[in-house]
Every structure is written in structure tokens, then in C-alpha cells.
Amino acid sequence: MTERRFYTISELTAEFVTTTRTLRFYEDEKLLNPERQGRKRLYTPRDRTRLKLILRGKRLGFSLAEVREIIEMYDDSSGEKGQLEKLQARIEERKAELEQKQQDILETLQELKDVSNSVEMRLNELKETKQQ
């Protein structure tokens, strides 16, 4: 089975469940570089792979700048080992950020619970005082 030479914008938007506007945005950001036939955009297998990486990075919470950096690793001359080491470092950084956010959320939830309990106790005290 031979690899396809081109994909249309409609094919990619259907495959990745995204919009033509999104693909054009990534093109404007120089993350995708489709060939042109008149007004028709023709995306290469490389563009398709890059789109897949962009969307995966966004789903994982990476910023567009971070996604760009990750994608550009594949054009880096450091070889696969260097690319994978850089990618692993970015993943570890992102995991650490998310774990910190998770901890912050847990602490905030506990604080809200504590304040809610205090408010509820005070409301009960006020009810009892009023009934007397």
C-alpha cells in the first residue's frame, strides 16, 4: 500500500473532526504548509502528521508555542534520541504543572468545605437563637 501524496482540507477536517478555519489558522501560524492548486489546498502526509501532533498537543494542554516547539523537534538535527529526550522533558514539565494544579484545586476545595461548614454552623446557631 502506497502512502497518499495529498489530502484535501475536507478530508483532514473530517478525519480529525475539526474545522477548515482551524486548518487555515495553523497554516497562518506556519505550522502547516499545504501546496496550492489554484484556490485548492493540498496537504501532504507531513502536514497530516503535523496536524495530528498539533491536535494531540492541544488536547494535552500544551500552548500553541509549546506545540510548535515539539513539532520543530522533528526537524531538529539532534537525531531521534535527542528529539525524544526533549519531548520527554516537555511531557515531564507538563505533568508537574498539572499535578501542582491538581494539588491547588484539592486545597481550594478543602478550604471551601471548611468555610461552608463554618457558615452552616453559624446559621444553625442563629436559628437556635431566634427560636428561643
C-alpha atoms as a PDB file:
ATOM      1  CA  MET A   1       0.000   0.000   0.000  1.00  0.00           C
ATOM      2  CA  THR A   2       1.494   3.334  -1.018  1.00  0.00           C
ATOM      3  CA  GLU A   3       1.242   6.464   1.054  1.00  0.00           C
ATOM      4  CA  ARG A   4      -1.077   9.121  -0.302  1.00  0.00           C
ATOM      5  CA  ARG A   5       0.535  12.102  -1.916  1.00  0.00           C
ATOM      6  CA  PHE A   6      -2.094  14.685  -0.885  1.00  0.00           C
ATOM      7  CA  TYR A   7      -5.111  15.231   1.353  1.00  0.00           C
ATOM      8  CA  THR A   8      -7.776  17.864   0.797  1.00  0.00           C
ATOM      9  CA  ILE A   9      -8.898  20.231   3.515  1.00  0.00           C
ATOM     10  CA  SER A  10     -12.268  18.422   3.602  1.00  0.00           C
ATOM     11  CA  GLU A  11     -10.597  15.062   4.131  1.00  0.00           C
ATOM     12  CA  LEU A  12      -8.478  16.329   7.014  1.00  0.00           C
ATOM     13  CA  THR A  13     -11.319  18.197   8.723  1.00  0.00           C
ATOM     14  CA  ALA A  14     -13.474  15.062   8.531  1.00  0.00           C
ATOM     15  CA  GLU A  15     -10.708  12.746   9.736  1.00  0.00           C
ATOM     16  CA  PHE A  16      -9.683  14.937  12.682  1.00  0.00           C
ATOM     17  CA  VAL A  17     -13.144  16.376  13.414  1.00  0.00           C
ATOM     18  CA  THR A  18     -12.016  19.953  13.149  1.00  0.00           C
ATOM     19  CA  THR A  19     -12.926  22.973  11.044  1.00  0.00           C
ATOM     20  CA  THR A  20     -11.475  24.474   7.900  1.00  0.00           C
ATOM     21  CA  ARG A  21     -10.943  27.642   9.918  1.00  0.00           C
ATOM     22  CA  THR A  22      -8.720  25.692  12.323  1.00  0.00           C
ATOM     23  CA  LEU A  23      -6.594  24.339   9.488  1.00  0.00           C
ATOM     24  CA  ARG A  24      -6.273  27.798   7.967  1.00  0.00           C
ATOM     25  CA  PHE A  25      -5.253  29.176  11.369  1.00  0.00           C
ATOM     26  CA  TYR A  26      -2.479  26.586  11.676  1.00  0.00           C
ATOM     27  CA  GLU A  27      -1.445  27.452   8.142  1.00  0.00           C
ATOM     28  CA  ASP A  28      -1.295  31.165   9.060  1.00  0.00           C
ATOM     29  CA  GLU A  29       0.826  30.197  12.070  1.00  0.00           C
ATOM     30  CA  LYS A  30       3.210  28.388   9.696  1.00  0.00           C
ATOM     31  CA  LEU A  31       2.556  25.036  11.353  1.00  0.00           C
ATOM     32  CA  LEU A  32       1.046  23.592   8.167  1.00  0.00           C
ATOM     33  CA  ASN A  33       2.218  24.308   4.658  1.00  0.00           C
ATOM     34  CA  PRO A  34      -0.202  22.939   2.054  1.00  0.00           C
ATOM     35  CA  GLU A  35       0.546  23.128  -1.618  1.00  0.00           C
ATOM     36  CA  ARG A  36      -1.830  25.122  -3.800  1.00  0.00           C
ATOM     37  CA  GLN A  37      -3.640  24.260  -6.979  1.00  0.00           C
ATOM     38  CA  GLY A  38      -5.465  27.462  -7.721  1.00  0.00           C
ATOM     39  CA  ARG A  39      -7.668  28.030  -4.672  1.00  0.00           C
ATOM     40  CA  LYS A  40      -7.446  24.406  -3.597  1.00  0.00           C
ATOM     41  CA  ARG A  41      -5.206  23.471  -0.661  1.00  0.00           C
ATOM     42  CA  LEU A  42      -3.445  20.127  -0.893  1.00  0.00           C
ATOM     43  CA  TYR A  43      -1.945  18.824   2.339  1.00  0.00           C
ATOM     44  CA  THR A  44       0.975  16.403   2.292  1.00  0.00           C
ATOM     45  CA  PRO A  45       1.377  13.380   4.574  1.00  0.00           C
ATOM     46  CA  ARG A  46       3.839  15.573   6.532  1.00  0.00           C
ATOM     47  CA  ASP A  47       1.085  18.195   7.039  1.00  0.00           C
ATOM     48  CA  ARG A  48      -1.291  15.429   8.151  1.00  0.00           C
ATOM     49  CA  THR A  49       1.228  14.178  10.714  1.00  0.00           C
ATOM     50  CA  ARG A  50       1.873  17.716  11.932  1.00  0.00           C
ATOM     51  CA  LEU A  51      -1.884  18.316  12.300  1.00  0.00           C
ATOM     52  CA  LYS A  52      -2.176  15.126  14.324  1.00  0.00           C
ATOM     53  CA  LEU A  53       0.646  16.309  16.610  1.00  0.00           C
ATOM     54  CA  ILE A  54      -0.871  19.804  16.941  1.00  0.00           C
ATOM     55  CA  LEU A  55      -4.269  18.457  17.949  1.00  0.00           C
ATOM     56  CA  ARG A  56      -2.762  15.926  20.354  1.00  0.00           C
ATOM     57  CA  GLY A  57      -0.631  18.643  21.952  1.00  0.00           C
ATOM     58  CA  LYS A  58      -3.644  20.932  22.353  1.00  0.00           C
ATOM     59  CA  ARG A  59      -5.659  18.066  23.903  1.00  0.00           C
ATOM     60  CA  LEU A  60      -2.834  17.503  26.387  1.00  0.00           C
ATOM     61  CA  GLY A  61      -2.964  21.164  27.368  1.00  0.00           C
ATOM     62  CA  PHE A  62       0.168  22.425  25.661  1.00  0.00           C
ATOM     63  CA  SER A  63       0.131  26.025  24.440  1.00  0.00           C
ATOM     64  CA  LEU A  64       0.490  26.678  20.728  1.00  0.00           C
ATOM     65  CA  ALA A  65       4.080  27.838  21.338  1.00  0.00           C
ATOM     66  CA  GLU A  66       4.840  24.569  23.135  1.00  0.00           C
ATOM     67  CA  VAL A  67       3.190  22.577  20.348  1.00  0.00           C
ATOM     68  CA  ARG A  68       5.325  24.463  17.821  1.00  0.00           C
ATOM     69  CA  GLU A  69       8.457  23.627  19.820  1.00  0.00           C
ATOM     70  CA  ILE A  70       7.507  19.944  19.977  1.00  0.00           C
ATOM     71  CA  ILE A  71       6.785  19.801  16.249  1.00  0.00           C
ATOM     72  CA  GLU A  72      10.011  21.588  15.401  1.00  0.00           C
ATOM     73  CA  MET A  73      11.905  18.915  17.335  1.00  0.00           C
ATOM     74  CA  TYR A  74      11.165  16.595  14.432  1.00  0.00           C
ATOM     75  CA  ASP A  75      13.073  18.945  12.125  1.00  0.00           C
ATOM     76  CA  ASP A  76      15.963  19.124  14.610  1.00  0.00           C
ATOM     77  CA  SER A  77      19.308  17.656  13.609  1.00  0.00           C
ATOM     78  CA  SER A  78      19.880  16.105  17.058  1.00  0.00           C
ATOM     79  CA  GLY A  79      18.501  12.793  15.849  1.00  0.00           C
ATOM     80  CA  GLU A  80      15.710  10.697  17.235  1.00  0.00           C
ATOM     81  CA  LYS A  81      17.321  10.229  20.664  1.00  0.00           C
ATOM     82  CA  GLY A  82      17.721  13.971  21.154  1.00  0.00           C
ATOM     83  CA  GLN A  83      14.193  14.616  19.911  1.00  0.00           C
ATOM     84  CA  LEU A  84      12.718  12.024  22.260  1.00  0.00           C
ATOM     85  CA  GLU A  85      14.701  13.379  25.210  1.00  0.00           C
ATOM     86  CA  LYS A  86      13.388  16.887  24.523  1.00  0.00           C
ATOM     87  CA  LEU A  87       9.849  15.576  24.160  1.00  0.00           C
ATOM     88  CA  GLN A  88      10.144  13.593  27.387  1.00  0.00           C
ATOM     89  CA  ALA A  89      11.359  16.719  29.227  1.00  0.00           C
ATOM     90  CA  ARG A  90       8.351  18.733  27.937  1.00  0.00           C
ATOM     91  CA  ILE A  91       5.993  15.935  28.992  1.00  0.00           C
ATOM     92  CA  GLU A  92       7.502  15.832  32.483  1.00  0.00           C
ATOM     93  CA  GLU A  93       7.182  19.621  32.792  1.00  0.00           C
ATOM     94  CA  ARG A  94       3.526  19.453  31.745  1.00  0.00           C
ATOM     95  CA  LYS A  95       2.812  16.615  34.175  1.00  0.00           C
ATOM     96  CA  ALA A  96       4.394  18.609  37.009  1.00  0.00           C
ATOM     97  CA  GLU A  97       2.268  21.657  36.128  1.00  0.00           C
ATOM     98  CA  LEU A  98      -0.916  19.579  36.103  1.00  0.00           C
ATOM     99  CA  GLU A  99      -0.027  17.834  39.369  1.00  0.00           C
ATOM    100  CA  GLN A 100       0.520  21.239  41.003  1.00  0.00           C
ATOM    101  CA  LYS A 101      -2.815  22.485  39.666  1.00  0.00           C
ATOM    102  CA  GLN A 102      -4.464  19.332  40.974  1.00  0.00           C
ATOM    103  CA  GLN A 103      -2.970  19.931  44.423  1.00  0.00           C
ATOM    104  CA  ASP A 104      -4.084  23.577  44.335  1.00  0.00           C
ATOM    105  CA  ILE A 105      -7.613  22.515  43.418  1.00  0.00           C
ATOM    106  CA  LEU A 106      -7.727  19.951  46.230  1.00  0.00           C
ATOM    107  CA  GLU A 107      -6.565  22.580  48.734  1.00  0.00           C
ATOM    108  CA  THR A 108      -9.129  25.090  47.463  1.00  0.00           C
ATOM    109  CA  LEU A 109     -11.907  22.507  47.679  1.00  0.00           C
ATOM    110  CA  GLN A 110     -10.931  21.733  51.267  1.00  0.00           C
ATOM    111  CA  GLU A 111     -10.917  25.439  52.142  1.00  0.00           C
ATOM    112  CA  LEU A 112     -14.368  25.856  50.582  1.00  0.00           C
ATOM    113  CA  LYS A 113     -15.614  22.849  52.531  1.00  0.00           C
ATOM    114  CA  ASP A 114     -14.218  24.295  55.781  1.00  0.00           C
ATOM    115  CA  VAL A 115     -15.805  27.706  55.164  1.00  0.00           C
ATOM    116  CA  SER A 116     -19.103  26.094  54.186  1.00  0.00           C
ATOM    117  CA  ASN A 117     -19.100  24.052  57.407  1.00  0.00           C
ATOM    118  CA  SER A 118     -18.403  27.204  59.448  1.00  0.00           C
ATOM    119  CA  VAL A 119     -21.214  29.081  57.713  1.00  0.00           C
ATOM    120  CA  GLU A 120     -23.610  26.195  58.249  1.00  0.00           C
ATOM    121  CA  MET A 121     -22.718  26.009  61.958  1.00  0.00           C
ATOM    122  CA  ARG A 122     -23.266  29.759  62.362  1.00  0.00           C
ATOM    123  CA  LEU A 123     -26.591  29.593  60.526  1.00  0.00           C
ATOM    124  CA  ASN A 124     -27.710  26.815  62.875  1.00  0.00           C
ATOM    125  CA  GLU A 125     -26.646  28.904  65.874  1.00  0.00           C
ATOM    126  CA  LEU A 126     -28.651  31.845  64.568  1.00  0.00           C
ATOM    127  CA  LYS A 127     -31.703  29.619  64.023  1.00  0.00           C
ATOM    128  CA  GLU A 128     -31.485  28.330  67.597  1.00  0.00           C
ATOM    129  CA  THR A 129     -31.119  31.854  68.998  1.00  0.00           C
ATOM    130  CA  LYS A 130     -34.128  33.064  67.015  1.00  0.00           C
ATOM    131  CA  GLN A 131     -36.290  30.163  68.201  1.00  0.00           C
ATOM    132  CA  GLN A 132     -35.572  30.953  71.845  1.00  0.00           C
END
